[in-house]
Amino acid sequence: MMTTEPPWWRRRLTFMFGLGLAAMVAGVLLLLDLESPPSPGAAPPSIAESSLPPAMAQAAPALPTGTARAIRPSPPPAPAPIIDEVSVEKREVCSGEDNLISVRAHSPDGNDAYLHTTIGASTGMRVPLRVWRESDGTYELPTVTVFGKNNVATTVRVPAYTVKDCEPERLVEVLSRRVPNSEEEFEFLARILEPPRRDAATRAPFTPVQFVWTFDDQPPVTTPTPWVTRSLSPDTSRPPSMYSQHLVRVEVSDASGKKAVGRSSLQLLDTTFENFDKKGIVTLLSVGTPRFPSEDAQGVVRQTFRVSHRWKGPVRLERVTALRARAPEPKAPPLPEDSDEVSLGVALIPEGPGVDVPVSLDTRSDPDVMHVTYVLEGRTADGHPARGTFSVMRPPARPTRENSTPVKDPLLLAKVKRARELLGQAFVTDEDLWRLEREGRFNDLKVQRDTP
């Protein structure tokens, strides 16, 4: 019996169906192979592209078209911190009197570098807490929240203590601010508060003559004025962490020996740790001297920048780029920055105090340049990239009758004149006035203002 050969189109259809079926089977086998656990002794899986630093992710070679890509599960979230203890300094305080709350905590995975805390509206692992009684005699103690990596948090209530129906005679408030154009310098101000009393008792006069400052566990510093400047750099004897913790205490005394005490906590973000943790970059820090730019008689701005870092070993500079920002014509769009590679005469930035780099800006030869930003790029001895910037700026134009508003307030005018005499300067800044005010150099001017 003779058989008839199928037509060509049926043979083609059968071939394509078989080829598709084979591809499906191969795909299923490949997927099972990707999802199966590695055999004993096999190499660990590669890091997922999403977890690579940006520079590494950009440098990763692309896979050929059609190559299967394994989808790695996202890493598990960081474990919540465990609060070991919340201790209270005093079991009883008056309304408004501070009570030091101290927190001990740890991370279950042993990585305590990210721990930071809030206690009520304040931040820090040791916070002088003030709680006030309401008019009906009630009061509420706040919560303690400890954060770990990725801000995973644990919260508990401050242990109970008694806020009595009494009032401190006076309070000392400690204010702080970062000094302008600085990295680690902070200024602290002690302010005496005498809240109104509910009883009719006369408050004894209190005129402070001495301020004794204590920063963490360091030796005390005594000043005759209510302000002090202090460098709060991270403690290099401890393991590096995202936040540094500081407790500031000031004891204020008058001439008769009466005392009042104030405290404040600071929880400071360490940007050098954050930059390395998030980007893998070692930060180059820069602090200029003088802090504020000024022109000499030739119109040249000269500053010296102390460039340093917190890494072990030196950093070798590989490239320095100067970016010049130019002032546009009135009502014109901003001009693009021009840049070129320059040399600062420094090849290595040593570990520790760093190195001084002098720079200048000639405001007459470059009349349209507003500031020059130096971008520093280098590498540590163990191969990590290092980055940093600093800028030398054209100072504001000197005040004239045409570009300034005259001072009309008699007290402010007297302060300006006094500041010019004390500092020997033709012009003074708000910063100069604030500093002299904190030193008490204008106290007699206040008396004159109050006199009719």
Protein backbone atom coordinates (compact mmCIF):
# COMPACT_ATOMS: atom_id res chain seq x y z
CA MET A 1 0.00 0.00 0.00
CA MET A 2 1.41 3.35 -0.96
CA THR A 3 1.56 6.28 1.51
CA THR A 4 1.12 9.86 0.50
CA GLU A 5 3.79 12.34 1.78
CA PRO A 6 2.23 15.23 3.76
CA PRO A 7 2.24 18.59 2.05
CA TRP A 8 5.20 20.92 2.70
CA TRP A 9 3.24 23.33 4.91
CA ARG A 10 2.21 20.52 7.27
CA ARG A 11 5.82 19.36 7.57
CA ARG A 12 6.90 23.00 8.33
CA LEU A 13 4.16 23.37 10.99
CA THR A 14 5.16 20.09 12.67
CA PHE A 15 8.83 21.20 12.75
CA MET A 16 8.00 24.61 14.30
CA PHE A 17 5.76 23.00 16.95
CA GLY A 18 8.53 20.58 17.93
CA LEU A 19 11.08 23.40 18.11
CA GLY A 20 8.80 25.48 20.39
CA LEU A 21 8.17 22.51 22.66
CA ALA A 22 11.91 21.92 23.00
CA ALA A 23 12.47 25.60 23.89
CA MET A 24 9.80 25.43 26.62
CA VAL A 25 11.40 22.35 28.16
CA ALA A 26 14.84 24.00 28.09
CA GLY A 27 13.45 27.12 29.75
CA VAL A 28 11.82 25.12 32.56
CA LEU A 29 15.06 23.23 33.19
CA LEU A 30 17.06 26.50 33.25
CA LEU A 31 14.62 28.11 35.74
CA LEU A 32 14.81 25.07 38.03
CA ASP A 33 18.59 25.22 37.87
CA LEU A 34 18.60 28.92 38.82
CA GLU A 35 16.24 28.43 41.75
CA SER A 36 17.95 25.31 43.13
CA PRO A 37 20.32 25.81 46.12
CA PRO A 38 24.05 25.71 45.38
CA SER A 39 25.78 22.42 45.81
CA PRO A 40 28.20 21.97 48.73
CA GLY A 41 31.49 23.68 48.03
CA ALA A 42 30.04 25.86 45.27
CA ALA A 43 31.04 29.52 45.03
CA PRO A 44 28.65 32.01 46.72
CA PRO A 45 26.25 33.93 44.47
CA SER A 46 27.39 37.29 43.12
CA ILE A 47 26.17 40.57 44.60
CA ALA A 48 22.96 41.83 43.05
CA GLU A 49 23.39 44.89 40.88
CA SER A 50 20.90 46.85 43.00
CA SER A 51 23.20 46.58 46.05
CA LEU A 52 26.33 47.82 44.29
CA PRO A 53 27.56 51.40 44.87
CA PRO A 54 26.68 53.68 41.94
CA ALA A 55 30.24 53.79 40.57
CA MET A 56 30.52 49.98 40.63
CA ALA A 57 27.05 49.52 39.13
CA GLN A 58 27.93 51.77 36.20
CA ALA A 59 31.16 49.86 35.61
CA ALA A 60 29.49 46.41 35.64
CA PRO A 61 29.52 44.87 32.14
CA ALA A 62 26.17 44.34 30.44
CA LEU A 63 25.01 40.78 29.83
CA PRO A 64 24.65 39.63 26.21
CA THR A 65 21.17 39.82 24.73
CA GLY A 66 19.13 36.74 25.55
CA THR A 67 21.20 35.72 28.60
CA ALA A 68 19.05 34.72 31.56
CA ARG A 69 19.42 37.02 34.58
CA ALA A 70 18.97 35.64 38.11
CA ILE A 71 16.59 37.67 40.29
CA ARG A 72 18.06 37.81 43.80
CA PRO A 73 15.73 38.32 46.74
CA SER A 74 16.12 41.62 48.61
CA PRO A 75 18.14 41.39 51.82
CA PRO A 76 16.13 40.97 55.01
CA PRO A 77 15.40 44.17 56.96
CA ALA A 78 17.78 45.13 59.72
CA PRO A 79 16.68 43.87 63.15
CA ALA A 80 15.11 46.34 65.55
CA PRO A 81 17.39 47.52 68.39
CA ILE A 82 17.06 46.00 71.84
CA ILE A 83 16.80 48.52 74.70
CA ASP A 84 18.81 47.14 77.60
CA GLU A 85 18.12 49.87 80.15
CA VAL A 86 16.57 53.32 80.55
CA SER A 87 17.82 54.87 83.78
CA VAL A 88 16.53 57.96 85.58
CA GLU A 89 18.89 60.20 87.53
CA LYS A 90 16.40 61.32 90.24
CA ARG A 91 13.22 59.72 91.49
CA GLU A 92 11.67 63.11 92.35
CA VAL A 93 12.05 66.51 90.71
CA CYS A 94 10.24 69.83 90.81
CA SER A 95 8.13 70.92 87.87
CA GLY A 96 10.50 72.12 85.13
CA GLU A 97 13.62 70.76 86.83
CA ASP A 98 15.74 68.63 84.49
CA ASN A 99 16.25 64.93 85.10
CA LEU A 100 18.96 63.07 83.19
CA ILE A 101 17.59 60.10 81.23
CA SER A 102 20.26 57.62 80.05
CA VAL A 103 19.71 54.84 77.50
CA ARG A 104 21.68 51.66 76.85
CA ALA A 105 20.79 49.63 73.77
CA HIS A 106 22.30 47.24 71.26
CA SER A 107 21.55 45.69 67.87
CA PRO A 108 20.85 41.94 67.77
CA ASP A 109 23.28 41.52 64.86
CA GLY A 110 26.09 43.23 66.78
CA ASN A 111 26.18 46.27 64.47
CA ASP A 112 25.71 49.18 66.89
CA ALA A 113 27.20 51.79 64.55
CA TYR A 114 23.76 53.13 63.56
CA LEU A 115 22.15 53.49 66.99
CA HIS A 116 20.61 56.87 67.78
CA THR A 117 17.84 57.93 70.12
CA THR A 118 15.04 60.41 70.73
CA ILE A 119 13.68 61.08 74.22
CA GLY A 120 10.57 63.18 73.94
CA ALA A 121 11.45 66.14 71.72
CA SER A 122 15.20 65.84 72.40
CA THR A 123 17.85 63.66 70.79
CA GLY A 124 20.69 61.73 72.36
CA MET A 125 21.52 58.70 74.47
CA ARG A 126 21.68 60.97 77.56
CA VAL A 127 19.09 63.73 77.68
CA PRO A 128 18.32 66.22 80.49
CA LEU A 129 14.53 65.94 80.39
CA ARG A 130 12.20 68.66 81.71
CA VAL A 131 8.61 67.79 82.52
CA TRP A 132 6.06 70.39 83.62
CA ARG A 133 2.96 69.84 85.74
CA GLU A 134 -0.32 70.98 84.30
CA SER A 135 -2.62 73.32 86.23
CA ASP A 136 -4.63 70.32 87.40
CA GLY A 137 -1.49 68.63 88.75
CA THR A 138 -1.15 66.04 85.98
CA TYR A 139 1.91 65.44 83.86
CA GLU A 140 3.00 62.96 81.20
CA LEU A 141 6.38 61.31 80.75
CA PRO A 142 7.48 60.98 77.10
CA THR A 143 8.70 57.93 75.19
CA VAL A 144 12.18 56.72 74.33
CA THR A 145 12.74 55.61 70.73
CA VAL A 146 15.99 53.91 69.72
CA PHE A 147 16.73 53.68 65.99
CA GLY A 148 19.04 51.20 64.30
CA LYS A 149 20.17 50.67 60.72
CA ASN A 150 17.65 51.93 58.14
CA ASN A 151 15.85 53.64 61.07
CA VAL A 152 14.23 50.43 62.32
CA ALA A 153 13.07 51.48 65.81
CA THR A 154 12.05 50.26 69.25
CA THR A 155 9.99 52.45 71.60
CA VAL A 156 9.42 52.32 75.37
CA ARG A 157 8.06 54.75 77.95
CA VAL A 158 10.41 56.71 80.24
CA PRO A 159 10.41 54.94 83.64
CA ALA A 160 8.03 56.58 86.09
CA TYR A 161 9.29 59.26 88.45
CA THR A 162 7.50 61.93 90.46
CA VAL A 163 7.16 65.54 89.35
CA LYS A 164 6.40 67.43 92.55
CA ASP A 165 4.35 70.57 93.04
CA CYS A 166 7.34 72.88 93.43
CA GLU A 167 9.39 75.12 91.17
CA PRO A 168 13.14 75.71 90.81
CA GLU A 169 14.15 79.22 91.67
CA ARG A 170 15.78 79.68 88.26
CA LEU A 171 16.68 77.61 85.21
CA VAL A 172 19.73 77.61 82.97
CA GLU A 173 19.12 76.94 79.29
CA VAL A 174 22.09 75.84 77.15
CA LEU A 175 21.80 76.85 73.49
CA SER A 176 24.19 75.75 70.75
CA ARG A 177 24.93 76.39 67.11
CA ARG A 178 27.57 75.32 64.63
CA VAL A 179 30.11 78.07 63.99
CA PRO A 180 29.74 79.37 60.40
CA ASN A 181 32.32 78.12 57.86
CA SER A 182 33.52 75.35 60.15
CA GLU A 183 33.20 71.57 60.35
CA GLU A 184 33.30 70.74 64.06
CA GLU A 185 33.32 74.07 65.94
CA PHE A 186 30.25 74.78 68.05
CA GLU A 187 29.31 77.78 70.13
CA PHE A 188 27.39 77.36 73.38
CA LEU A 189 25.40 80.03 75.19
CA ALA A 190 24.04 79.81 78.75
CA ARG A 191 20.83 81.75 79.30
CA ILE A 192 19.40 82.34 82.78
CA LEU A 193 15.62 81.87 82.95
CA GLU A 194 13.56 83.08 85.87
CA PRO A 195 10.00 81.86 85.19
CA PRO A 196 7.18 83.67 87.01
CA ARG A 197 6.36 82.12 90.36
CA ARG A 198 2.87 81.28 91.53
CA ASP A 199 3.63 82.41 95.05
CA ALA A 200 4.44 85.97 96.06
CA ALA A 201 7.93 85.15 97.33
CA THR A 202 10.57 87.61 96.21
CA ARG A 203 13.30 86.01 94.13
CA ALA A 204 16.81 86.83 95.29
CA PRO A 205 18.83 88.75 92.67
CA PHE A 206 21.28 86.63 90.69
CA THR A 207 24.06 88.21 88.63
CA PRO A 208 26.37 85.55 87.16
CA VAL A 209 30.10 86.18 87.27
CA GLN A 210 31.48 82.73 86.38
CA PHE A 211 30.54 79.89 84.03
CA VAL A 212 32.13 76.44 84.39
CA TRP A 213 31.61 74.29 81.30
CA THR A 214 32.01 70.51 81.15
CA PHE A 215 31.91 68.68 77.81
CA ASP A 216 31.34 64.94 78.18
CA ASP A 217 34.12 63.62 80.44
CA GLN A 218 36.69 66.30 79.57
CA PRO A 219 38.26 68.71 82.12
CA PRO A 220 36.06 71.75 82.85
CA VAL A 221 36.54 75.12 81.15
CA THR A 222 35.84 78.36 83.07
CA THR A 223 34.70 81.57 81.35
CA PRO A 224 33.60 84.96 82.71
CA THR A 225 30.99 85.26 79.96
CA PRO A 226 27.94 83.08 79.18
CA TRP A 227 29.36 81.66 75.96
CA VAL A 228 32.16 79.34 74.89
CA THR A 229 33.41 77.77 71.65
CA ARG A 230 34.27 74.08 71.54
CA SER A 231 35.32 71.53 68.92
CA LEU A 232 33.12 68.43 69.00
CA SER A 233 34.98 65.95 66.84
CA PRO A 234 34.15 62.23 66.96
CA ASP A 235 36.09 60.19 69.51
CA THR A 236 38.64 58.27 67.42
CA SER A 237 39.37 55.90 70.32
CA ARG A 238 35.91 54.35 69.83
CA PRO A 239 34.62 52.39 66.83
CA PRO A 240 33.27 54.71 64.11
CA SER A 241 29.53 55.28 64.09
CA MET A 242 26.86 57.23 62.25
CA TYR A 243 26.21 59.52 65.25
CA SER A 244 28.35 60.96 68.02
CA GLN A 245 26.83 61.65 71.45
CA HIS A 246 27.69 64.66 73.63
CA LEU A 247 26.47 66.00 76.97
CA VAL A 248 27.20 69.62 77.88
CA ARG A 249 26.93 70.95 81.44
CA VAL A 250 27.39 74.50 82.71
CA GLU A 251 27.47 75.63 86.32
CA VAL A 252 26.71 79.33 86.76
CA SER A 253 27.81 81.19 89.92
CA ASP A 254 27.24 84.71 91.23
CA ALA A 255 29.54 86.74 93.48
CA SER A 256 27.93 85.38 96.67
CA GLY A 257 28.49 81.74 95.65
CA LYS A 258 24.94 80.89 94.62
CA LYS A 259 24.83 78.37 91.79
CA ALA A 260 22.52 77.23 89.02
CA VAL A 261 23.14 74.35 86.62
CA GLY A 262 22.03 73.72 83.05
CA ARG A 263 22.64 70.80 80.69
CA SER A 264 22.09 69.98 77.03
CA SER A 265 22.55 66.93 74.81
CA LEU A 266 23.78 66.84 71.22
CA GLN A 267 23.49 63.92 68.81
CA LEU A 268 25.57 64.80 65.76
CA LEU A 269 25.49 63.04 62.40
CA ASP A 270 28.97 62.07 61.21
CA THR A 271 28.81 62.80 57.48
CA THR A 272 32.17 61.12 56.87
CA PHE A 273 30.76 57.82 58.17
CA GLU A 274 27.56 58.31 56.16
CA ASN A 275 29.44 59.03 52.91
CA PHE A 276 31.52 55.89 53.23
CA ASP A 277 28.57 53.78 54.36
CA LYS A 278 26.26 54.92 51.55
CA LYS A 279 28.72 55.64 48.72
CA GLY A 280 32.02 54.01 49.63
CA ILE A 281 33.76 57.40 49.51
CA VAL A 282 36.32 58.74 52.01
CA THR A 283 35.48 62.39 52.77
CA LEU A 284 38.14 65.10 52.57
CA LEU A 285 37.33 67.84 55.12
CA SER A 286 38.35 71.49 54.65
CA VAL A 287 38.36 74.44 57.07
CA GLY A 288 39.47 77.89 55.93
CA THR A 289 41.54 80.51 57.77
CA PRO A 290 40.35 83.20 58.08
CA ARG A 291 36.82 81.81 58.32
CA PHE A 292 35.37 84.70 56.32
CA PRO A 293 37.10 85.94 53.12
CA SER A 294 38.42 89.50 52.92
CA GLU A 295 40.27 91.48 50.26
CA ASP A 296 43.67 93.07 50.82
CA ALA A 297 44.67 96.48 49.48
CA GLN A 298 45.40 94.93 46.07
CA GLY A 299 41.95 93.31 45.84
CA VAL A 300 43.23 89.78 46.42
CA VAL A 301 41.38 87.31 48.66
CA ARG A 302 43.80 84.91 50.40
CA GLN A 303 42.77 81.93 52.49
CA THR A 304 44.51 78.83 53.77
CA PHE A 305 42.46 75.63 53.94
CA ARG A 306 43.38 72.80 56.27
CA VAL A 307 42.50 69.64 54.30
CA SER A 308 42.20 66.45 56.36
CA HIS A 309 40.39 63.12 56.57
CA ARG A 310 39.55 60.44 59.15
CA TRP A 311 40.88 57.42 57.29
CA LYS A 312 43.84 55.30 58.32
CA GLY A 313 46.88 56.13 56.23
CA PRO A 314 47.47 58.90 53.67
CA VAL A 315 45.28 59.93 50.74
CA ARG A 316 47.01 60.57 47.43
CA LEU A 317 45.49 63.38 45.35
CA GLU A 318 44.95 62.34 41.75
CA ARG A 319 43.16 65.37 40.35
CA VAL A 320 42.11 68.87 41.44
CA THR A 321 39.53 70.75 39.35
CA ALA A 322 38.85 74.49 39.74
CA LEU A 323 35.25 75.51 38.96
CA ARG A 324 34.81 79.25 38.42
CA ALA A 325 31.35 80.73 38.90
CA ARG A 326 30.89 83.99 37.02
CA ALA A 327 28.38 86.76 37.65
CA PRO A 328 25.90 87.22 34.76
CA GLU A 329 24.80 90.54 33.40
CA PRO A 330 21.70 92.04 35.07
CA LYS A 331 18.55 90.08 34.14
CA ALA A 332 20.64 87.60 32.13
CA PRO A 333 20.50 83.84 32.73
CA PRO A 334 23.22 82.31 34.94
CA LEU A 335 26.50 81.65 33.19
CA PRO A 336 27.85 78.10 33.07
CA GLU A 337 30.85 77.35 35.26
CA ASP A 338 34.16 77.01 33.48
CA SER A 339 36.66 74.51 34.83
CA ASP A 340 40.22 73.41 34.41
CA GLU A 341 42.59 71.03 36.14
CA VAL A 342 44.99 72.77 38.53
CA SER A 343 47.73 71.92 41.01
CA LEU A 344 47.62 72.85 44.70
CA GLY A 345 51.23 71.84 45.26
CA VAL A 346 50.09 68.95 47.48
CA ALA A 347 50.34 65.29 46.52
CA LEU A 348 49.58 63.52 49.82
CA ILE A 349 47.11 64.33 52.56
CA PRO A 350 48.47 62.59 55.67
CA GLU A 351 46.43 60.90 58.35
CA GLY A 352 45.60 63.07 61.36
CA PRO A 353 45.78 66.87 61.27
CA GLY A 354 46.05 67.06 57.47
CA VAL A 355 47.88 69.65 55.40
CA ASP A 356 47.52 73.40 54.74
CA VAL A 357 46.63 74.53 51.21
CA PRO A 358 46.89 78.28 50.42
CA VAL A 359 44.65 79.64 47.64
CA SER A 360 43.77 83.11 46.37
CA LEU A 361 41.27 84.97 44.20
CA ASP A 362 42.28 88.19 42.43
CA THR A 363 39.07 90.19 42.24
CA ARG A 364 40.61 92.77 39.91
CA SER A 365 42.11 90.49 37.27
CA ASP A 366 38.96 88.30 37.40
CA PRO A 367 36.24 90.92 38.02
CA ASP A 368 33.32 88.64 37.07
CA VAL A 369 34.38 85.58 39.10
CA MET A 370 32.20 85.24 42.20
CA HIS A 371 33.87 82.17 43.68
CA VAL A 372 36.24 79.35 42.77
CA THR A 373 35.37 75.84 44.00
CA TYR A 374 38.18 73.30 44.16
CA VAL A 375 37.06 69.69 43.65
CA LEU A 376 39.56 67.24 45.15
CA GLU A 377 39.73 63.64 43.92
CA GLY A 378 42.10 61.06 45.32
CA ARG A 379 42.51 57.53 46.61
CA THR A 380 43.47 55.95 49.89
CA ALA A 381 46.40 53.57 50.20
CA ASP A 382 43.96 50.64 50.31
CA GLY A 383 42.14 51.72 47.16
CA HIS A 384 39.05 53.64 48.31
CA PRO A 385 38.07 56.81 46.39
CA ALA A 386 38.41 60.07 48.33
CA ARG A 387 36.46 63.24 47.51
CA GLY A 388 36.17 66.77 48.92
CA THR A 389 35.58 70.42 47.99
CA PHE A 390 36.30 73.90 49.30
CA SER A 391 35.66 77.38 47.88
CA VAL A 392 37.36 80.76 47.97
CA MET A 393 34.74 83.47 47.57
CA ARG A 394 34.59 87.12 46.65
CA PRO A 395 33.47 89.00 49.80
CA PRO A 396 30.44 91.30 49.65
CA ALA A 397 31.00 94.80 48.39
CA ARG A 398 31.99 97.30 51.05
CA PRO A 399 29.02 99.31 52.30
CA THR A 400 28.47 102.72 50.75
CA ARG A 401 25.66 105.24 50.89
CA GLU A 402 24.49 103.97 47.50
CA ASN A 403 24.32 100.23 48.27
CA SER A 404 23.36 100.32 51.96
CA THR A 405 20.46 101.22 54.20
CA PRO A 406 21.41 103.68 56.97
CA VAL A 407 21.15 102.47 60.57
CA LYS A 408 18.43 104.49 62.30
CA ASP A 409 17.99 102.58 65.54
CA PRO A 410 19.99 104.51 68.20
CA LEU A 411 20.95 101.41 70.17
CA LEU A 412 22.13 99.48 67.09
CA LEU A 413 24.08 102.52 65.91
CA ALA A 414 25.78 102.76 69.30
CA LYS A 415 26.69 99.06 69.11
CA VAL A 416 28.20 99.49 65.65
CA LYS A 417 30.31 102.43 66.79
CA ARG A 418 31.46 100.58 69.92
CA ALA A 419 32.34 97.47 67.86
CA ARG A 420 34.42 99.51 65.42
CA GLU A 421 36.36 101.00 68.31
CA LEU A 422 36.91 97.67 70.09
CA LEU A 423 37.92 95.73 66.97
CA GLY A 424 39.79 98.51 65.20
CA GLN A 425 37.83 97.86 61.99
CA ALA A 426 36.24 100.28 59.55
CA PHE A 427 33.36 97.82 59.05
CA VAL A 428 31.80 95.26 61.35
CA THR A 429 29.51 92.32 60.63
CA ASP A 430 26.49 90.86 62.41
CA GLU A 431 28.81 88.10 63.61
CA ASP A 432 31.06 90.72 65.26
CA LEU A 433 28.07 92.33 66.98
CA TRP A 434 26.71 89.00 68.24
CA ARG A 435 30.10 88.00 69.66
CA LEU A 436 30.62 91.30 71.48
CA GLU A 437 27.05 91.19 72.76
CA ARG A 438 27.64 87.73 74.25
CA GLU A 439 30.82 89.03 75.88
CA GLY A 440 28.78 91.74 77.60
CA ARG A 441 30.52 94.63 75.81
CA PHE A 442 27.21 96.41 75.22
CA ASN A 443 25.68 96.05 78.68
CA ASP A 444 26.16 99.71 79.53
CA LEU A 445 24.51 100.69 76.25
CA LYS A 446 21.39 98.81 77.31
CA VAL A 447 21.33 100.84 80.54
CA GLN A 448 21.54 104.04 78.51
CA ARG A 449 18.68 102.87 76.30
CA ASP A 450 16.46 102.17 79.33
CA THR A 451 17.18 105.62 80.82
CA PRO A 452 14.52 108.19 79.80
